[in-house]
Amino acid sequence: MCGIAGIVDFSRGGMGPIVEMMSERLVHRGPDMSGTVAFGNCALGHRRLSILDLSDSARQPMLSEDGNTAIVFNGEIYNFLEIRSDLETRGHRFRTNSDTEVALRSYIEYGDKMLGFFNGMFSLAIWSETDQSLFVARDRLGKKPLYYYMNGSRLGFASELYSLISDPEAPRDLDTQAMFEYFMYDFIPAPHTIFRGVMKLPAAHKALYSPAGFRIERYWS
């Protein structure tokens, strides 16, 4: 199942310890391994349920060879071997047998256009230290969850609300409209959640957060 979490804050750093705590609250999603990586304005965390490539080399967060791009990934890309073969013809040399590395190298090669190649269920986040940008995306049918909030220059995200509210700056005020929707429908429709200001990234959507701002858009219909 796996779980991902992270914070980007362009006004300050030192988010590593908070993201470690967020990741620990996802231990039930990924009991096999945990990891955190911190950059100046970004920290990413991951809890791993090992399915493909059980070795330590496939641990997450996974970094590019130059250390400037990092990914946390939850899910599975069913056609990753086909995509890997194409990337190898373009000069990529793989260190692991995981679909996570395929996703990372696909982003390096194609940018957000990589989503058009993916057949699978996933939520992912990719930080580019060079561009100072966070890219997040969710699979076409929304099989894998991703929650996020924005507060000033800070964006936090996680696979579950319980993890997200480990961040002391995450909103905790109840959304009365969302409560009404819950009692009417027995669930809260995306993009809302029970907390005002915390959103679900909708299925088949991608988003980019950088110093230029936050942009979200649908990539498949």
Foldseek 3Di string as FASTA:
>chain_A
DKKKKKKFFPVFFDCFVLRVQLQVVCCVVAVPDKDWDGDTGMIMIMGHDDDFFPDPQPDPQDADPVRQKTKYKDWAFPCLVVLVVVVVVVPDDDPTRGSRVSVRVLCVVPNPVSLVVTDIFMWMWMAGNVQQKIKIAGAQQRPFWKKWFDDVRMIIMMSDPVSRVSPVPDFDAFDVVQVVVCVVPVHGDFQDDRGPRMGIQDHQKMWMQHPVGIDIDHDDD
